[in-house]
PDB file of N, CA and C in Angstrom:
ATOM      1  N   MET A   1     -23.600 -31.269  -7.555  1.00  0.00           N
ATOM      2  CA  MET A   1     -24.100 -30.036  -7.010  1.00  0.00           C
ATOM      3  C   MET A   1     -23.050 -28.949  -7.181  1.00  0.00           C
ATOM      4  N   ALA A   2     -23.476 -27.762  -7.441  1.00  0.00           N
ATOM      5  CA  ALA A   2     -22.572 -26.644  -7.697  1.00  0.00           C
ATOM      6  C   ALA A   2     -22.047 -26.037  -6.396  1.00  0.00           C
ATOM      7  N   ILE A   3     -20.896 -25.453  -6.510  1.00  0.00           N
ATOM      8  CA  ILE A   3     -20.306 -24.746  -5.371  1.00  0.00           C
ATOM      9  C   ILE A   3     -21.043 -23.425  -5.200  1.00  0.00           C
ATOM     10  N   THR A   4     -21.391 -23.116  -3.958  1.00  0.00           N
ATOM     11  CA  THR A   4     -21.999 -21.827  -3.622  1.00  0.00           C
ATOM     12  C   THR A   4     -20.939 -20.986  -2.941  1.00  0.00           C
ATOM     13  N   LYS A   5     -20.737 -19.766  -3.437  1.00  0.00           N
ATOM     14  CA  LYS A   5     -19.778 -18.840  -2.847  1.00  0.00           C
ATOM     15  C   LYS A   5     -20.555 -17.604  -2.392  1.00  0.00           C
ATOM     16  N   THR A   6     -20.387 -17.247  -1.126  1.00  0.00           N
ATOM     17  CA  THR A   6     -21.097 -16.103  -0.570  1.00  0.00           C
ATOM     18  C   THR A   6     -20.117 -15.195   0.150  1.00  0.00           C
ATOM     19  N   LEU A   7     -20.115 -13.920  -0.209  1.00  0.00           N
ATOM     20  CA  LEU A   7     -19.310 -12.967   0.540  1.00  0.00           C
ATOM     21  C   LEU A   7     -19.982 -12.820   1.900  1.00  0.00           C
ATOM     22  N   SER A   8     -19.354 -13.352   2.934  1.00  0.00           N
ATOM     23  CA  SER A   8     -19.996 -13.452   4.238  1.00  0.00           C
ATOM     24  C   SER A   8     -19.566 -12.373   5.228  1.00  0.00           C
ATOM     25  N   GLU A   9     -18.482 -11.683   4.924  1.00  0.00           N
ATOM     26  CA  GLU A   9     -18.028 -10.611   5.808  1.00  0.00           C
ATOM     27  C   GLU A   9     -17.205  -9.623   5.009  1.00  0.00           C
ATOM     28  N   ALA A  10     -17.409  -8.340   5.287  1.00  0.00           N
ATOM     29  CA  ALA A  10     -16.627  -7.276   4.659  1.00  0.00           C
ATOM     30  C   ALA A  10     -16.424  -6.181   5.698  1.00  0.00           C
ATOM     31  N   ILE A  11     -15.179  -6.005   6.108  1.00  0.00           N
ATOM     32  CA  ILE A  11     -14.857  -5.007   7.118  1.00  0.00           C
ATOM     33  C   ILE A  11     -13.982  -3.935   6.474  1.00  0.00           C
ATOM     34  N   PRO A  12     -14.496  -2.711   6.375  1.00  0.00           N
ATOM     35  CA  PRO A  12     -13.698  -1.636   5.784  1.00  0.00           C
ATOM     36  C   PRO A  12     -12.778  -0.981   6.820  1.00  0.00           C
ATOM     37  N   TYR A  13     -11.624  -0.564   6.373  1.00  0.00           N
ATOM     38  CA  TYR A  13     -10.704   0.228   7.176  1.00  0.00           C
ATOM     39  C   TYR A  13     -10.645   1.601   6.528  1.00  0.00           C
ATOM     40  N   ASN A  14     -11.173   2.605   7.221  1.00  0.00           N
ATOM     41  CA  ASN A  14     -11.343   3.933   6.655  1.00  0.00           C
ATOM     42  C   ASN A  14     -10.283   4.922   7.133  1.00  0.00           C
ATOM     43  N   LEU A  15      -9.995   5.879   6.269  1.00  0.00           N
ATOM     44  CA  LEU A  15      -9.139   7.013   6.601  1.00  0.00           C
ATOM     45  C   LEU A  15      -9.698   8.210   5.851  1.00  0.00           C
ATOM     46  N   ASP A  16     -10.009   9.253   6.586  1.00  0.00           N
ATOM     47  CA  ASP A  16     -10.569  10.473   5.989  1.00  0.00           C
ATOM     48  C   ASP A  16     -11.817  10.188   5.154  1.00  0.00           C
ATOM     49  N   GLY A  17     -12.637   9.229   5.597  1.00  0.00           N
ATOM     50  CA  GLY A  17     -13.909   8.940   4.936  1.00  0.00           C
ATOM     51  C   GLY A  17     -13.843   7.975   3.769  1.00  0.00           C
ATOM     52  N   ASP A  18     -12.641   7.523   3.415  1.00  0.00           N
ATOM     53  CA  ASP A  18     -12.493   6.583   2.296  1.00  0.00           C
ATOM     54  C   ASP A  18     -11.914   5.263   2.790  1.00  0.00           C
ATOM     55  N   VAL A  19     -12.374   4.174   2.183  1.00  0.00           N
ATOM     56  CA  VAL A  19     -11.847   2.849   2.523  1.00  0.00           C
ATOM     57  C   VAL A  19     -10.430   2.718   1.970  1.00  0.00           C
ATOM     58  N   GLN A  20      -9.495   2.372   2.849  1.00  0.00           N
ATOM     59  CA  GLN A  20      -8.097   2.186   2.471  1.00  0.00           C
ATOM     60  C   GLN A  20      -7.727   0.704   2.381  1.00  0.00           C
ATOM     61  N   LYS A  21      -8.542  -0.125   3.048  1.00  0.00           N
ATOM     62  CA  LYS A  21      -8.245  -1.557   3.111  1.00  0.00           C
ATOM     63  C   LYS A  21      -9.553  -2.281   3.407  1.00  0.00           C
ATOM     64  N   TRP A  22      -9.725  -3.474   2.819  1.00  0.00           N
ATOM     65  CA  TRP A  22     -10.875  -4.333   3.085  1.00  0.00           C
ATOM     66  C   TRP A  22     -10.413  -5.645   3.693  1.00  0.00           C
ATOM     67  N   ASP A  23     -11.126  -6.113   4.700  1.00  0.00           N
ATOM     68  CA  ASP A  23     -10.957  -7.454   5.247  1.00  0.00           C
ATOM     69  C   ASP A  23     -12.184  -8.226   4.755  1.00  0.00           C
ATOM     70  N   LEU A  24     -11.973  -9.148   3.822  1.00  0.00           N
ATOM     71  CA  LEU A  24     -13.072  -9.846   3.152  1.00  0.00           C
ATOM     72  C   LEU A  24     -13.052 -11.334   3.458  1.00  0.00           C
ATOM     73  N   GLN A  25     -14.241 -11.881   3.681  1.00  0.00           N
ATOM     74  CA  GLN A  25     -14.376 -13.319   3.927  1.00  0.00           C
ATOM     75  C   GLN A  25     -15.453 -13.878   3.013  1.00  0.00           C
ATOM     76  N   MET A  26     -15.143 -14.998   2.372  1.00  0.00           N
ATOM     77  CA  MET A  26     -16.087 -15.672   1.500  1.00  0.00           C
ATOM     78  C   MET A  26     -16.293 -17.090   2.016  1.00  0.00           C
ATOM     79  N   THR A  27     -17.557 -17.508   2.052  1.00  0.00           N
ATOM     80  CA  THR A  27     -17.903 -18.855   2.483  1.00  0.00           C
ATOM     81  C   THR A  27     -18.200 -19.705   1.260  1.00  0.00           C
ATOM     82  N   TYR A  28     -17.534 -20.831   1.177  1.00  0.00           N
ATOM     83  CA  TYR A  28     -17.736 -21.800   0.098  1.00  0.00           C
ATOM     84  C   TYR A  28     -18.535 -22.960   0.657  1.00  0.00           C
ATOM     85  N   GLU A  29     -19.504 -23.459  -0.117  1.00  0.00           N
ATOM     86  CA  GLU A  29     -20.287 -24.624   0.285  1.00  0.00           C
ATOM     87  C   GLU A  29     -20.535 -25.503  -0.932  1.00  0.00           C
ATOM     88  N   GLU A  30     -20.508 -26.801  -0.706  1.00  0.00           N
ATOM     89  CA  GLU A  30     -20.832 -27.755  -1.770  1.00  0.00           C
ATOM     90  C   GLU A  30     -21.359 -29.035  -1.146  1.00  0.00           C
ATOM     91  N   GLY A  31     -22.262 -29.688  -1.873  1.00  0.00           N
ATOM     92  CA  GLY A  31     -22.774 -30.979  -1.453  1.00  0.00           C
ATOM     93  C   GLY A  31     -23.978 -30.874  -0.537  1.00  0.00           C
ATOM     94  N   ALA A  32     -24.434 -32.039  -0.119  1.00  0.00           N
ATOM     95  CA  ALA A  32     -25.556 -32.144   0.806  1.00  0.00           C
ATOM     96  C   ALA A  32     -25.366 -33.409   1.631  1.00  0.00           C
ATOM     97  N   ASP A  33     -25.869 -33.386   2.819  1.00  0.00           N
ATOM     98  CA  ASP A  33     -25.803 -34.531   3.721  1.00  0.00           C
ATOM     99  C   ASP A  33     -24.370 -35.049   3.860  1.00  0.00           C
ATOM    100  N   ALA A  34     -24.111 -36.267   3.436  1.00  0.00           N
ATOM    101  CA  ALA A  34     -22.787 -36.882   3.625  1.00  0.00           C
ATOM    102  C   ALA A  34     -21.703 -36.214   2.788  1.00  0.00           C
ATOM    103  N   THR A  35     -22.084 -35.534   1.704  1.00  0.00           N
ATOM    104  CA  THR A  35     -21.078 -34.899   0.857  1.00  0.00           C
ATOM    105  C   THR A  35     -20.986 -33.396   1.116  1.00  0.00           C
ATOM    106  N   TYR A  36     -21.673 -32.894   2.147  1.00  0.00           N
ATOM    107  CA  TYR A  36     -21.641 -31.455   2.441  1.00  0.00           C
ATOM    108  C   TYR A  36     -20.281 -31.058   2.975  1.00  0.00           C
ATOM    109  N   TYR A  37     -19.770 -29.930   2.446  1.00  0.00           N
ATOM    110  CA  TYR A  37     -18.486 -29.401   2.912  1.00  0.00           C
ATOM    111  C   TYR A  37     -18.539 -27.895   2.832  1.00  0.00           C
ATOM    112  N   THR A  38     -18.039 -27.244   3.849  1.00  0.00           N
ATOM    113  CA  THR A  38     -17.991 -25.782   3.857  1.00  0.00           C
ATOM    114  C   THR A  38     -16.616 -25.329   4.307  1.00  0.00           C
ATOM    115  N   MET A  39     -16.229 -24.151   3.805  1.00  0.00           N
ATOM    116  CA  MET A  39     -14.911 -23.616   4.131  1.00  0.00           C
ATOM    117  C   MET A  39     -14.978 -22.101   3.996  1.00  0.00           C
ATOM    118  N   GLU A  40     -14.294 -21.405   4.890  1.00  0.00           N
ATOM    119  CA  GLU A  40     -14.245 -19.948   4.814  1.00  0.00           C
ATOM    120  C   GLU A  40     -12.855 -19.504   4.390  1.00  0.00           C
ATOM    121  N   MET A  41     -12.841 -18.555   3.459  1.00  0.00           N
ATOM    122  CA  MET A  41     -11.586 -17.990   2.964  1.00  0.00           C
ATOM    123  C   MET A  41     -11.566 -16.514   3.351  1.00  0.00           C
ATOM    124  N   ARG A  42     -10.397 -16.004   3.686  1.00  0.00           N
ATOM    125  CA  ARG A  42     -10.294 -14.612   4.117  1.00  0.00           C
ATOM    126  C   ARG A  42      -9.060 -13.969   3.487  1.00  0.00           C
ATOM    127  N   ALA A  43      -9.211 -12.687   3.148  1.00  0.00           N
ATOM    128  CA  ALA A  43      -8.077 -11.921   2.618  1.00  0.00           C
ATOM    129  C   ALA A  43      -8.218 -10.470   3.056  1.00  0.00           C
ATOM    130  N   ILE A  44      -7.092  -9.849   3.310  1.00  0.00           N
ATOM    131  CA  ILE A  44      -7.062  -8.418   3.583  1.00  0.00           C
ATOM    132  C   ILE A  44      -6.470  -7.763   2.340  1.00  0.00           C
ATOM    133  N   ILE A  45      -7.271  -6.889   1.731  1.00  0.00           N
ATOM    134  CA  ILE A  45      -6.896  -6.266   0.459  1.00  0.00           C
ATOM    135  C   ILE A  45      -6.683  -4.764   0.669  1.00  0.00           C
ATOM    136  N   PRO A  46      -5.431  -4.297   0.602  1.00  0.00           N
ATOM    137  CA  PRO A  46      -5.178  -2.861   0.717  1.00  0.00           C
ATOM    138  C   PRO A  46      -5.416  -2.163  -0.622  1.00  0.00           C
ATOM    139  N   ALA A  47      -5.707  -0.876  -0.570  1.00  0.00           N
ATOM    140  CA  ALA A  47      -5.896  -0.113  -1.810  1.00  0.00           C
ATOM    141  C   ALA A  47      -4.646  -0.216  -2.682  1.00  0.00           C
ATOM    142  N   THR A  48      -3.498  -0.110  -2.062  1.00  0.00           N
ATOM    143  CA  THR A  48      -2.232  -0.237  -2.787  1.00  0.00           C
ATOM    144  C   THR A  48      -1.425  -1.368  -2.153  1.00  0.00           C
ATOM    145  N   ALA A  49      -1.034  -2.328  -2.966  1.00  0.00           N
ATOM    146  CA  ALA A  49      -0.266  -3.482  -2.489  1.00  0.00           C
ATOM    147  C   ALA A  49       1.157  -3.048  -2.129  1.00  0.00           C
ATOM    148  N   PRO A  50       1.863  -3.841  -1.321  1.00  0.00           N
ATOM    149  CA  PRO A  50       3.240  -3.506  -0.948  1.00  0.00           C
ATOM    150  C   PRO A  50       4.166  -3.297  -2.152  1.00  0.00           C
ATOM    151  N   ASP A  51       3.872  -3.962  -3.283  1.00  0.00           N
ATOM    152  CA  ASP A  51       4.716  -3.796  -4.467  1.00  0.00           C
ATOM    153  C   ASP A  51       4.351  -2.543  -5.266  1.00  0.00           C
ATOM    154  N   GLY A  52       3.375  -1.767  -4.780  1.00  0.00           N
ATOM    155  CA  GLY A  52       2.988  -0.528  -5.446  1.00  0.00           C
ATOM    156  C   GLY A  52       1.831  -0.676  -6.416  1.00  0.00           C
ATOM    157  N   SER A  53       1.402  -1.899  -6.707  1.00  0.00           N
ATOM    158  CA  SER A  53       0.274  -2.082  -7.616  1.00  0.00           C
ATOM    159  C   SER A  53      -1.026  -1.652  -6.924  1.00  0.00           C
ATOM    160  N   VAL A  54      -1.936  -1.103  -7.707  1.00  0.00           N
ATOM    161  CA  VAL A  54      -3.183  -0.577  -7.172  1.00  0.00           C
ATOM    162  C   VAL A  54      -4.271  -1.647  -7.249  1.00  0.00           C
ATOM    163  N   ASN A  55      -4.841  -1.995  -6.095  1.00  0.00           N
ATOM    164  CA  ASN A  55      -5.938  -2.952  -6.041  1.00  0.00           C
ATOM    165  C   ASN A  55      -7.287  -2.265  -6.245  1.00  0.00           C
ATOM    166  N   PHE A  56      -7.418  -1.064  -5.705  1.00  0.00           N
ATOM    167  CA  PHE A  56      -8.630  -0.280  -5.877  1.00  0.00           C
ATOM    168  C   PHE A  56      -8.358   1.175  -5.518  1.00  0.00           C
ATOM    169  N   THR A  57      -9.238   2.036  -5.982  1.00  0.00           N
ATOM    170  CA  THR A  57      -9.162   3.459  -5.654  1.00  0.00           C
ATOM    171  C   THR A  57     -10.011   3.704  -4.412  1.00  0.00           C
ATOM    172  N   PRO A  58      -9.430   4.287  -3.365  1.00  0.00           N
ATOM    173  CA  PRO A  58     -10.204   4.534  -2.152  1.00  0.00           C
ATOM    174  C   PRO A  58     -11.434   5.395  -2.434  1.00  0.00           C
ATOM    175  N   LYS A  59     -12.543   5.015  -1.786  1.00  0.00           N
ATOM    176  CA  LYS A  59     -13.790   5.775  -1.862  1.00  0.00           C
ATOM    177  C   LYS A  59     -14.610   5.446  -0.623  1.00  0.00           C
ATOM    178  N   PRO A  60     -15.658   6.220  -0.327  1.00  0.00           N
ATOM    179  CA  PRO A  60     -16.466   5.959   0.863  1.00  0.00           C
ATOM    180  C   PRO A  60     -17.081   4.563   0.840  1.00  0.00           C
ATOM    181  N   GLU A  61     -17.200   3.948   2.023  1.00  0.00           N
ATOM    182  CA  GLU A  61     -17.697   2.574   2.099  1.00  0.00           C
ATOM    183  C   GLU A  61     -19.107   2.429   1.542  1.00  0.00           C
ATOM    184  N   GLY A  62     -19.919   3.457   1.614  1.00  0.00           N
ATOM    185  CA  GLY A  62     -21.282   3.399   1.101  1.00  0.00           C
ATOM    186  C   GLY A  62     -21.384   3.347  -0.409  1.00  0.00           C
ATOM    187  N   GLU A  63     -20.288   3.604  -1.095  1.00  0.00           N
ATOM    188  CA  GLU A  63     -20.288   3.599  -2.565  1.00  0.00           C
ATOM    189  C   GLU A  63     -19.875   2.251  -3.156  1.00  0.00           C
ATOM    190  N   TRP A  64     -19.552   1.302  -2.314  1.00  0.00           N
ATOM    191  CA  TRP A  64     -19.125  -0.012  -2.793  1.00  0.00           C
ATOM    192  C   TRP A  64     -20.333  -0.903  -3.059  1.00  0.00           C
ATOM    193  N   THR A  65     -20.255  -1.692  -4.128  1.00  0.00           N
ATOM    194  CA  THR A  65     -21.310  -2.663  -4.431  1.00  0.00           C
ATOM    195  C   THR A  65     -20.811  -4.067  -4.084  1.00  0.00           C
ATOM    196  N   LEU A  66     -21.750  -4.993  -3.991  1.00  0.00           N
ATOM    197  CA  LEU A  66     -21.387  -6.386  -3.742  1.00  0.00           C
ATOM    198  C   LEU A  66     -20.473  -6.901  -4.845  1.00  0.00           C
ATOM    199  N   ALA A  67     -20.780  -6.556  -6.085  1.00  0.00           N
ATOM    200  CA  ALA A  67     -19.959  -7.010  -7.218  1.00  0.00           C
ATOM    201  C   ALA A  67     -18.525  -6.490  -7.108  1.00  0.00           C
ATOM    202  N   GLN A  68     -18.355  -5.239  -6.692  1.00  0.00           N
ATOM    203  CA  GLN A  68     -17.009  -4.673  -6.561  1.00  0.00           C
ATOM    204  C   GLN A  68     -16.229  -5.359  -5.441  1.00  0.00           C
ATOM    205  N   LEU A  69     -16.898  -5.609  -4.321  1.00  0.00           N
ATOM    206  CA  LEU A  69     -16.228  -6.291  -3.205  1.00  0.00           C
ATOM    207  C   LEU A  69     -15.846  -7.716  -3.587  1.00  0.00           C
ATOM    208  N   THR A  70     -16.760  -8.398  -4.254  1.00  0.00           N
ATOM    209  CA  THR A  70     -16.490  -9.772  -4.684  1.00  0.00           C
ATOM    210  C   THR A  70     -15.326  -9.817  -5.661  1.00  0.00           C
ATOM    211  N   ALA A  71     -15.244  -8.833  -6.543  1.00  0.00           N
ATOM    212  CA  ALA A  71     -14.172  -8.785  -7.536  1.00  0.00           C
ATOM    213  C   ALA A  71     -12.796  -8.605  -6.879  1.00  0.00           C
ATOM    214  N   LEU A  72     -12.752  -8.037  -5.674  1.00  0.00           N
ATOM    215  CA  LEU A  72     -11.474  -7.876  -4.973  1.00  0.00           C
ATOM    216  C   LEU A  72     -10.942  -9.197  -4.408  1.00  0.00           C
ATOM    217  N   CYS A  73     -11.824 -10.148  -4.202  1.00  0.00           N
ATOM    218  CA  CYS A  73     -11.429 -11.425  -3.608  1.00  0.00           C
ATOM    219  C   CYS A  73     -10.589 -12.253  -4.584  1.00  0.00           C
ATOM    220  N   PRO A  74      -9.536 -12.882  -4.082  1.00  0.00           N
ATOM    221  CA  PRO A  74      -8.698 -13.742  -4.943  1.00  0.00           C
ATOM    222  C   PRO A  74      -9.368 -15.099  -5.185  1.00  0.00           C
ATOM    223  N   THR A  75     -10.514 -15.077  -5.882  1.00  0.00           N
ATOM    224  CA  THR A  75     -11.327 -16.290  -6.021  1.00  0.00           C
ATOM    225  C   THR A  75     -10.635 -17.389  -6.824  1.00  0.00           C
ATOM    226  N   ASP A  76      -9.760 -17.058  -7.760  1.00  0.00           N
ATOM    227  CA  ASP A  76      -9.052 -18.122  -8.482  1.00  0.00           C
ATOM    228  C   ASP A  76      -8.252 -18.986  -7.505  1.00  0.00           C
ATOM    229  N   LYS A  77      -7.529 -18.334  -6.624  1.00  0.00           N
ATOM    230  CA  LYS A  77      -6.733 -19.045  -5.617  1.00  0.00           C
ATOM    231  C   LYS A  77      -7.660 -19.794  -4.659  1.00  0.00           C
ATOM    232  N   TRP A  78      -8.713 -19.129  -4.207  1.00  0.00           N
ATOM    233  CA  TRP A  78      -9.644 -19.750  -3.267  1.00  0.00           C
ATOM    234  C   TRP A  78     -10.370 -20.936  -3.896  1.00  0.00           C
ATOM    235  N   ASP A  79     -10.751 -20.808  -5.174  1.00  0.00           N
ATOM    236  CA  ASP A  79     -11.420 -21.921  -5.865  1.00  0.00           C
ATOM    237  C   ASP A  79     -10.526 -23.160  -5.869  1.00  0.00           C
ATOM    238  N   ASP A  80      -9.249 -22.963  -6.198  1.00  0.00           N
ATOM    239  CA  ASP A  80      -8.300 -24.084  -6.219  1.00  0.00           C
ATOM    240  C   ASP A  80      -8.156 -24.716  -4.834  1.00  0.00           C
ATOM    241  N   THR A  81      -8.062 -23.872  -3.811  1.00  0.00           N
ATOM    242  CA  THR A  81      -7.930 -24.367  -2.444  1.00  0.00           C
ATOM    243  C   THR A  81      -9.157 -25.172  -2.036  1.00  0.00           C
ATOM    244  N   PHE A  82     -10.353 -24.630  -2.323  1.00  0.00           N
ATOM    245  CA  PHE A  82     -11.579 -25.332  -1.958  1.00  0.00           C
ATOM    246  C   PHE A  82     -11.683 -26.657  -2.706  1.00  0.00           C
ATOM    247  N   ASP A  83     -11.415 -26.636  -4.006  1.00  0.00           N
ATOM    248  CA  ASP A  83     -11.491 -27.875  -4.801  1.00  0.00           C
ATOM    249  C   ASP A  83     -10.563 -28.945  -4.239  1.00  0.00           C
ATOM    250  N   SER A  84      -9.354 -28.540  -3.867  1.00  0.00           N
ATOM    251  CA  SER A  84      -8.394 -29.483  -3.312  1.00  0.00           C
ATOM    252  C   SER A  84      -8.883 -30.050  -1.985  1.00  0.00           C
ATOM    253  N   GLN A  85      -9.399 -29.188  -1.126  1.00  0.00           N
ATOM    254  CA  GLN A  85      -9.901 -29.639   0.171  1.00  0.00           C
ATOM    255  C   GLN A  85     -11.110 -30.556   0.009  1.00  0.00           C
ATOM    256  N   TYR A  86     -12.027 -30.182  -0.876  1.00  0.00           N
ATOM    257  CA  TYR A  86     -13.221 -31.004  -1.105  1.00  0.00           C
ATOM    258  C   TYR A  86     -12.814 -32.386  -1.614  1.00  0.00           C
ATOM    259  N   ASP A  87     -11.848 -32.395  -2.528  1.00  0.00           N
ATOM    260  CA  ASP A  87     -11.379 -33.660  -3.082  1.00  0.00           C
ATOM    261  C   ASP A  87     -10.759 -34.543  -1.998  1.00  0.00           C
ATOM    262  N   SER A  88      -9.937 -33.955  -1.140  1.00  0.00           N
ATOM    263  CA  SER A  88      -9.237 -34.768  -0.141  1.00  0.00           C
ATOM    264  C   SER A  88     -10.126 -35.168   1.033  1.00  0.00           C
ATOM    265  N   VAL A  89     -11.200 -34.422   1.279  1.00  0.00           N
ATOM    266  CA  VAL A  89     -12.066 -34.738   2.419  1.00  0.00           C
ATOM    267  C   VAL A  89     -13.302 -35.523   2.000  1.00  0.00           C
ATOM    268  N   ILE A  90     -13.900 -35.180   0.857  1.00  0.00           N
ATOM    269  CA  ILE A  90     -15.166 -35.793   0.442  1.00  0.00           C
ATOM    270  C   ILE A  90     -14.990 -36.792  -0.703  1.00  0.00           C
ATOM    271  N   THR A  91     -14.394 -36.352  -1.814  1.00  0.00           N
ATOM    272  CA  THR A  91     -14.311 -37.201  -3.001  1.00  0.00           C
ATOM    273  C   THR A  91     -13.339 -38.356  -2.829  1.00  0.00           C
ATOM    274  N   ASN A  92     -12.153 -38.081  -2.333  1.00  0.00           N
ATOM    275  CA  ASN A  92     -11.113 -39.113  -2.179  1.00  0.00           C
ATOM    276  C   ASN A  92     -10.509 -39.063  -0.776  1.00  0.00           C
ATOM    277  N   PRO A  93     -11.302 -39.326   0.240  1.00  0.00           N
ATOM    278  CA  PRO A  93     -10.744 -39.248   1.594  1.00  0.00           C
ATOM    279  C   PRO A  93      -9.705 -40.343   1.808  1.00  0.00           C
ATOM    280  N   PRO A  94      -8.767 -40.103   2.708  1.00  0.00           N
ATOM    281  CA  PRO A  94      -7.763 -41.136   2.979  1.00  0.00           C
ATOM    282  C   PRO A  94      -8.428 -42.345   3.643  1.00  0.00           C
ATOM    283  N   ASP A  95      -7.849 -43.507   3.400  1.00  0.00           N
ATOM    284  CA  ASP A  95      -8.351 -44.716   4.048  1.00  0.00           C
ATOM    285  C   ASP A  95      -8.148 -44.590   5.549  1.00  0.00           C
ATOM    286  N   LYS A  96      -9.143 -45.084   6.280  1.00  0.00           N
ATOM    287  CA  LYS A  96      -9.050 -45.048   7.735  1.00  0.00           C
ATOM    288  C   LYS A  96      -8.720 -46.443   8.243  1.00  0.00           C
ATOM    289  N   PRO A  97      -7.855 -46.530   9.244  1.00  0.00           N
ATOM    290  CA  PRO A  97      -7.539 -47.835   9.808  1.00  0.00           C
ATOM    291  C   PRO A  97      -8.782 -48.456  10.447  1.00  0.00           C
ATOM    292  N   VAL A  98      -8.846 -49.762  10.417  1.00  0.00           N
ATOM    293  CA  VAL A  98      -9.973 -50.504  10.984  1.00  0.00           C
ATOM    294  C   VAL A  98      -9.489 -51.258  12.212  1.00  0.00           C
ATOM    295  N   ALA A  99     -10.233 -51.107  13.283  1.00  0.00           N
ATOM    296  CA  ALA A  99      -9.879 -51.787  14.524  1.00  0.00           C
ATOM    297  C   ALA A  99     -10.107 -53.297  14.387  1.00  0.00           C
ATOM    298  N   ASP A 100      -9.240 -54.072  15.027  1.00  0.00           N
ATOM    299  CA  ASP A 100      -9.388 -55.520  15.058  1.00  0.00           C
ATOM    300  C   ASP A 100      -9.495 -55.943  16.518  1.00  0.00           C
ATOM    301  N   PRO A 101     -10.736 -55.960  17.063  1.00  0.00           N
ATOM    302  CA  PRO A 101     -10.898 -56.303  18.478  1.00  0.00           C
ATOM    303  C   PRO A 101     -10.602 -57.775  18.783  1.00  0.00           C
ATOM    304  N   SER A 102     -10.430 -58.591  17.758  1.00  0.00           N
ATOM    305  CA  SER A 102     -10.142 -60.011  17.991  1.00  0.00           C
ATOM    306  C   SER A 102      -8.654 -60.283  18.165  1.00  0.00           C
ATOM    307  N   TYR A 103      -7.830 -59.248  18.059  1.00  0.00           N
ATOM    308  CA  TYR A 103      -6.391 -59.431  18.187  1.00  0.00           C
ATOM    309  C   TYR A 103      -6.049 -60.013  19.543  1.00  0.00           C
ATOM    310  N   VAL A 104      -5.140 -60.968  19.531  1.00  0.00           N
ATOM    311  CA  VAL A 104      -4.692 -61.614  20.773  1.00  0.00           C
ATOM    312  C   VAL A 104      -3.244 -61.219  21.010  1.00  0.00           C
ATOM    313  N   ILE A 105      -2.995 -60.731  22.174  1.00  0.00           N
ATOM    314  CA  ILE A 105      -1.621 -60.316  22.528  1.00  0.00           C
ATOM    315  C   ILE A 105      -0.771 -61.571  22.620  1.00  0.00           C
ATOM    316  N   PRO A 106       0.383 -61.572  21.941  1.00  0.00           N
ATOM    317  CA  PRO A 106       1.238 -62.749  21.998  1.00  0.00           C
ATOM    318  C   PRO A 106       1.760 -62.967  23.420  1.00  0.00           C
ATOM    319  N   SER A 107       1.946 -64.249  23.765  1.00  0.00           N
ATOM    320  CA  SER A 107       2.456 -64.555  25.111  1.00  0.00           C
ATOM    321  C   SER A 107       3.950 -64.701  25.104  1.00  0.00           C
TER     322      SER A 107
END
C-alpha cells in the first residue's frame, strides 16, 4: 500500500498583510488494519532562514496554493523519518519478551 501524505495544518504568521512564516504539519499514513501506521511531521518555515537563504517571498495568505505550501515542507527528510519509523514499528518490530508463568522460584 502506498504512503498517503496530507497537509493537515497550515498556520500563517502575518506582518503588514503578508505571510512571514508558516507553521506546517503533514500527516503520513500507510497500511491497513495490523499494518496501519500514522505519523505527523511539523516544521516552521520562515520567509528568510537564519543563514539568509530565502525560503519564500512574503505575500498575502489568500494567495497561497496547496501546491506552494506543500513544496515548502521538507518532505525528503520527513519521508526518510517515516520510512524508518514504519520499518521499526511495522515491518521489522523488535522481538518482545515472552512471559513464562511456569517459572519456579528457586528455594
